[in-house]
Amino acid sequence: MFKISELRQKEIVSLSQGRRLGFATDVEINLETGNIEALILPSQGKFFGLLPKDNDIVVPWEKIKRVGTDLILIDIE
């Protein structure tokens, strides 16, 4: 088990793209179950939250392959 604050401190890396995507800025939580549904990352080039939220990257929890000590590995196209 881990805290949301711990998730936000781990860098997210895409396995399929082989690149670093950054850090989660938010999470989607199912209020009925209390489960995390997705991690939210700012889009590339987002500057201090000035771009619309539509450009954020949403990573469904099912796409997370491994949560390590420093990284979160995901499998998205």
Protein backbone atom coordinates (compact mmCIF):
# COMPACT_ATOMS: atom_id res chain seq x y z
CA MET A 1 0.00 0.00 0.00
CA PHE A 2 1.18 3.55 -0.64
CA LYS A 3 0.04 7.14 -0.27
CA ILE A 4 -1.05 9.42 -3.11
CA SER A 5 1.71 11.83 -2.10
CA GLU A 6 4.23 9.01 -2.69
CA LEU A 7 2.79 8.34 -6.16
CA ARG A 8 3.22 11.98 -7.10
CA GLN A 9 6.94 11.82 -6.27
CA LYS A 10 7.66 8.96 -8.68
CA GLU A 11 8.59 9.64 -12.28
CA ILE A 12 6.36 7.98 -14.88
CA VAL A 13 8.04 6.10 -17.73
CA SER A 14 6.29 4.67 -20.80
CA LEU A 15 7.52 1.17 -21.67
CA SER A 16 6.17 1.24 -25.23
CA GLN A 17 7.56 4.70 -26.03
CA GLY A 18 10.75 4.27 -24.03
CA ARG A 19 10.58 7.77 -22.61
CA ARG A 20 9.95 9.69 -19.44
CA LEU A 21 6.57 11.38 -19.23
CA GLY A 22 7.04 13.30 -16.00
CA PHE A 23 5.22 13.19 -12.68
CA ALA A 24 1.54 12.75 -11.85
CA THR A 25 -0.11 16.01 -10.86
CA ASP A 26 -3.46 14.51 -9.91
CA VAL A 27 -5.36 11.25 -9.53
CA GLU A 28 -8.89 10.14 -10.40
CA ILE A 29 -10.57 8.32 -7.53
CA ASN A 30 -13.77 6.29 -7.67
CA LEU A 31 -15.73 7.75 -4.76
CA GLU A 32 -17.87 4.63 -4.38
CA THR A 33 -14.98 2.17 -4.05
CA GLY A 34 -12.16 4.47 -2.98
CA ASN A 35 -9.93 2.99 -5.69
CA ILE A 36 -7.60 5.02 -7.85
CA GLU A 37 -8.95 4.96 -11.42
CA ALA A 38 -6.20 6.92 -13.21
CA LEU A 39 -3.13 9.10 -12.87
CA ILE A 40 -3.18 12.55 -14.48
CA LEU A 41 -0.02 14.01 -16.03
CA PRO A 42 0.34 17.46 -17.51
CA SER A 43 0.70 17.46 -21.29
CA GLN A 44 4.17 18.04 -22.68
CA GLY A 45 4.86 21.76 -22.82
CA LYS A 46 2.27 22.70 -20.20
CA PHE A 47 3.51 25.80 -18.41
CA PHE A 48 2.42 26.39 -14.79
CA GLY A 49 -1.07 25.03 -15.47
CA LEU A 50 -1.85 27.66 -18.10
CA LEU A 51 -3.04 25.28 -20.82
CA PRO A 52 -6.52 23.72 -20.73
CA LYS A 53 -7.07 20.46 -18.81
CA ASP A 54 -8.13 18.79 -22.08
CA ASN A 55 -4.44 18.44 -22.93
CA ASP A 56 -3.61 16.42 -19.81
CA ILE A 57 -2.49 12.81 -20.19
CA VAL A 58 -4.82 10.37 -18.40
CA VAL A 59 -3.25 7.01 -17.56
CA PRO A 60 -5.86 4.40 -16.55
CA TRP A 61 -4.80 2.32 -13.55
CA GLU A 62 -4.92 -0.86 -15.70
CA LYS A 63 -2.05 0.53 -17.81
CA ILE A 64 0.28 0.76 -14.82
CA LYS A 65 2.61 -2.24 -14.97
CA ARG A 66 4.86 -1.61 -11.98
CA VAL A 67 5.21 0.90 -9.15
CA GLY A 68 8.85 0.91 -8.08
CA THR A 69 10.75 2.89 -5.48
CA ASP A 70 11.53 5.75 -7.89
CA LEU A 71 9.51 5.06 -11.05
CA ILE A 72 6.07 4.07 -12.27
CA LEU A 73 6.19 1.98 -15.44
CA ILE A 74 3.17 2.26 -17.73
CA ASP A 75 2.17 0.69 -21.04
CA ILE A 76 0.35 3.22 -23.23
CA GLU A 77 0.57 3.96 -26.93
